Amino acid sequence: MKLLIMGPPGAGKGTQAKILAKKFNLVHLSTGDILRKEIDKSSEVGLKAQTYMNAGNLVPDEVLLEMMQSTLTELKDSGVILDGFPRTIPQAIGLSKIFQSLNQAIDSIINIEVDKNVLITRLVERAKKSGRADDTEEVIVNRQNVYLELTAPLIEFYQSNIIHIDGDGSIDEVTERILNHIP
């Protein structure tokens, strides 16, 4: 099974991806986690990514596509859930080409939808609990704007295959909504 989970920052993508990965025995591929590991290792790509992430901007497509090509090729015989990738139309096109080269396709595309004000509140709370440097209020607002500009068009790109999920409610409620739509 190949799943893609998307939605704005703070919608609960990572939380739901972890739950779905466990339930369906999938490898959880979180672009953010992968990039943070590279930052922790102080690799060239990690240091480059850190500059973009700390400003609330997206890491360039070519860097992420190269990383995903390698990762998905290694995991071609495993089920995966993509969390935080793709975020732009060029990334979606590149991902499609990667899956075509592997003779595979995405089985389900889940879009978690949450009101912008709820998202900002969630992210401010997360910043207080986790101490993430990329969760200052200024960066949170910028990330929401970047999402609206670059990522929201993916909803139209995937319109014929997307499953829209109301992300407002408890974690269990959102999980149940998702499970009701996955074949």
Protein backbone atom coordinates (compact mmCIF):
# COMPACT_ATOMS: atom_id res chain seq x y z
CA MET A 1 0.00 0.00 0.00
CA LYS A 2 1.25 3.45 -0.95
CA LEU A 3 -0.45 6.35 0.86
CA LEU A 4 0.07 10.08 0.70
CA ILE A 5 -1.15 12.32 3.53
CA MET A 6 -1.34 16.07 3.09
CA GLY A 7 -2.72 19.20 4.71
CA PRO A 8 -1.47 22.49 6.10
CA PRO A 9 1.13 22.74 8.88
CA GLY A 10 -0.50 21.75 12.17
CA ALA A 11 -3.31 19.69 10.61
CA GLY A 12 -2.10 16.48 12.25
CA LYS A 13 -0.47 14.83 9.23
CA GLY A 14 2.43 13.44 11.22
CA THR A 15 0.23 12.11 14.01
CA GLN A 16 -2.15 10.41 11.59
CA ALA A 17 0.68 9.10 9.42
CA LYS A 18 2.23 7.38 12.46
CA ILE A 19 -1.10 5.80 13.37
CA LEU A 20 -1.74 4.60 9.80
CA ALA A 21 1.84 3.33 9.45
CA LYS A 22 1.41 1.19 12.54
CA LYS A 23 -2.07 -0.05 11.58
CA PHE A 24 -1.13 -1.03 8.01
CA ASN A 25 2.56 -1.90 8.64
CA LEU A 26 3.81 0.95 6.44
CA VAL A 27 7.12 2.78 6.46
CA HIS A 28 6.41 6.35 7.59
CA LEU A 29 8.32 8.74 5.34
CA SER A 30 8.25 12.19 6.91
CA THR A 31 10.22 14.65 4.84
CA GLY A 32 10.60 16.92 7.84
CA ASP A 33 12.04 14.13 10.01
CA ILE A 34 14.40 13.03 7.24
CA LEU A 35 15.61 16.60 6.77
CA ARG A 36 16.00 17.20 10.53
CA LYS A 37 18.18 14.05 10.73
CA GLU A 38 20.35 15.49 7.95
CA ILE A 39 20.55 18.77 9.88
CA ASP A 40 21.58 16.90 13.05
CA LYS A 41 24.33 15.15 11.05
CA SER A 42 25.38 18.58 9.66
CA SER A 43 25.38 17.10 6.15
CA GLU A 44 25.59 19.44 3.19
CA VAL A 45 21.93 18.92 2.28
CA GLY A 46 20.96 19.25 5.95
CA LEU A 47 22.71 22.58 6.42
CA LYS A 48 21.19 23.90 3.20
CA ALA A 49 17.74 22.69 4.27
CA GLN A 50 18.10 24.26 7.72
CA THR A 51 18.40 27.75 6.23
CA TYR A 52 15.10 27.31 4.38
CA MET A 53 13.26 25.60 7.25
CA ASN A 54 14.28 28.16 9.89
CA ALA A 55 12.83 30.92 7.69
CA GLY A 56 9.60 28.93 7.25
CA ASN A 57 10.30 28.27 3.58
CA LEU A 58 10.23 25.00 1.67
CA VAL A 59 13.39 23.10 0.76
CA PRO A 60 14.02 23.24 -3.04
CA ASP A 61 12.30 20.58 -5.14
CA GLU A 62 15.44 19.11 -6.68
CA VAL A 63 16.91 18.33 -3.24
CA LEU A 64 13.74 16.63 -2.03
CA LEU A 65 13.16 14.71 -5.27
CA GLU A 66 16.68 13.29 -5.21
CA MET A 67 16.18 12.24 -1.60
CA MET A 68 12.77 10.66 -2.36
CA GLN A 69 13.99 8.81 -5.47
CA SER A 70 16.68 7.10 -3.42
CA THR A 71 14.37 6.36 -0.49
CA LEU A 72 11.46 5.02 -2.55
CA THR A 73 13.77 2.88 -4.67
CA GLU A 74 15.19 1.30 -1.49
CA LEU A 75 11.64 0.72 -0.20
CA LYS A 76 10.01 -0.34 -3.47
CA ASP A 77 8.86 -3.66 -1.99
CA SER A 78 7.45 -2.04 1.18
CA GLY A 79 4.26 -0.17 1.90
CA VAL A 80 4.85 3.52 2.61
CA ILE A 81 2.99 6.57 3.79
CA LEU A 82 4.36 9.87 2.52
CA ASP A 83 3.99 12.67 5.07
CA GLY A 84 4.90 16.19 3.97
CA PHE A 85 5.80 15.28 0.41
CA PRO A 86 4.95 16.40 -2.21
CA ARG A 87 4.33 20.03 -1.31
CA THR A 88 4.40 21.60 -4.77
CA ILE A 89 3.13 20.71 -8.24
CA PRO A 90 6.70 20.11 -9.56
CA GLN A 91 7.29 17.73 -6.61
CA ALA A 92 4.01 15.92 -7.39
CA ILE A 93 5.02 15.54 -11.03
CA GLY A 94 8.47 14.31 -9.94
CA LEU A 95 6.89 11.87 -7.47
CA SER A 96 4.62 10.54 -10.20
CA LYS A 97 7.68 9.93 -12.39
CA ILE A 98 9.46 8.16 -9.51
CA PHE A 99 6.50 5.84 -8.97
CA GLN A 100 6.19 5.22 -12.75
CA SER A 101 9.87 4.26 -12.88
CA LEU A 102 9.16 1.73 -10.11
CA ASN A 103 5.96 0.49 -11.84
CA GLN A 104 3.94 1.65 -8.83
CA ALA A 105 1.25 4.20 -7.96
CA ILE A 106 -0.21 5.93 -4.93
CA ASP A 107 -3.23 4.00 -3.64
CA SER A 108 -4.88 6.76 -1.58
CA ILE A 109 -4.33 10.50 -1.14
CA ILE A 110 -5.63 11.89 2.16
CA ASN A 111 -6.06 15.64 2.65
CA ILE A 112 -6.65 16.75 6.25
CA GLU A 113 -8.53 20.05 6.37
CA VAL A 114 -8.53 22.36 9.43
CA ASP A 115 -9.48 26.03 9.89
CA LYS A 116 -6.45 28.37 9.74
CA ASN A 117 -7.06 29.85 13.23
CA VAL A 118 -7.19 26.37 14.77
CA LEU A 119 -3.93 25.53 13.01
CA ILE A 120 -2.12 28.58 14.35
CA THR A 121 -3.28 27.77 17.89
CA ARG A 122 -2.12 24.15 17.53
CA LEU A 123 1.31 25.20 16.25
CA VAL A 124 1.83 27.78 19.01
CA GLU A 125 1.00 25.06 21.58
CA ARG A 126 3.33 22.59 19.84
CA ALA A 127 6.13 25.17 19.94
CA LYS A 128 5.68 25.61 23.69
CA LYS A 129 5.85 21.83 24.26
CA SER A 130 8.60 20.89 21.82
CA GLY A 131 10.78 23.97 21.68
CA ARG A 132 11.08 23.68 17.90
CA ALA A 133 13.06 26.64 16.53
CA ASP A 134 10.90 26.68 13.40
CA ASP A 135 7.66 27.24 15.36
CA THR A 136 7.84 30.93 16.28
CA GLU A 137 4.61 32.84 15.68
CA GLU A 138 6.14 34.78 12.77
CA VAL A 139 7.37 31.58 11.14
CA ILE A 140 4.01 29.86 11.75
CA VAL A 141 2.15 32.61 9.88
CA ASN A 142 4.74 32.49 7.07
CA ARG A 143 4.41 28.69 6.81
CA GLN A 144 0.63 29.02 6.48
CA ASN A 145 1.08 31.57 3.69
CA VAL A 146 3.68 29.40 1.93
CA TYR A 147 1.28 26.45 2.16
CA LEU A 148 -1.58 28.44 0.66
CA GLU A 149 0.60 29.68 -2.18
CA LEU A 150 2.53 26.54 -3.10
CA THR A 151 0.90 23.47 -1.58
CA ALA A 152 -2.84 24.11 -1.74
CA PRO A 153 -2.76 23.76 -5.57
CA LEU A 154 -1.99 20.07 -5.00
CA ILE A 155 -5.63 19.66 -4.00
CA GLU A 156 -6.60 20.55 -7.57
CA PHE A 157 -3.75 18.48 -9.02
CA TYR A 158 -4.94 15.36 -7.19
CA GLN A 159 -8.65 16.25 -7.34
CA SER A 160 -9.83 13.00 -8.93
CA ASN A 161 -8.05 10.81 -6.35
CA ILE A 162 -8.13 12.86 -3.15
CA ILE A 163 -10.00 11.96 0.04
CA HIS A 164 -10.94 15.09 2.05
CA ILE A 165 -10.94 14.57 5.82
CA ASP A 166 -12.20 16.99 8.47
CA GLY A 167 -9.19 17.35 10.79
CA ASP A 168 -11.01 19.18 13.58
CA GLY A 169 -11.62 16.93 16.57
CA SER A 170 -9.75 14.40 18.64
CA ILE A 171 -6.96 12.30 17.19
CA ASP A 172 -9.20 9.21 17.40
CA GLU A 173 -12.07 10.98 15.62
CA VAL A 174 -9.82 12.05 12.74
CA THR A 175 -8.29 8.55 12.53
CA GLU A 176 -11.76 7.01 12.32
CA ARG A 177 -12.73 9.41 9.52
CA ILE A 178 -9.62 8.40 7.57
CA LEU A 179 -10.14 4.65 8.12
CA ASN A 180 -13.72 4.96 6.85
CA HIS A 181 -12.30 6.10 3.48
CA ILE A 182 -9.28 3.83 2.94
CA PRO A 183 -10.11 0.70 0.93
